[in-house]
Amino acid sequence: VRDIYERAVAQIPLVSEKKYWKRYVYLWIYYALFEELVVEDVERSRQVYQTALRVIPHTQFTFAKLWIMAAELEIRNKNIEAARKLFGRAIGMCPKPSLLNAYIKFEKQMGNTDRCRILYQKYLEYSS
């Protein structure tokens, strides 16, 4: 199965239409989830997310779901600082309300109200 995923994600869309890239991104997400949940190889899943985040042209398209899923992997594995770094990179590259909402929710769960305040201010900046 891993070989099939590897061949599928090697086929980068040649067209700059979001619908094709969306399908491609979901291939990466399914691949990472396969590695994490079926094979139970968290490190491999982490590598899949990192590779996907390098391959996707974030200047053309923003796929918040990919960033959120990568951060959630780190959270599930109690790697809080790595999750914060991922959220920070994501907001720096493609500040979308869904990313900020996910980051705010995470910080609320961690009980970090000061960081939540800062994130809400950024949310207001980007949404106006």
Foldseek 3Di string as FASTA:
>chain_A
DLVVLVVLLVPDDPDLDVVVVVVSLVSLVVSLCCCCPVVVNLVVSLVSLVVSVVPDPLVRDQDLVSLLSNLVSCVVVVNNVVSVVSLVVSCVSPNDLVSLVSVLVVCVVVVNVVVNVVSVVVSVVVVD
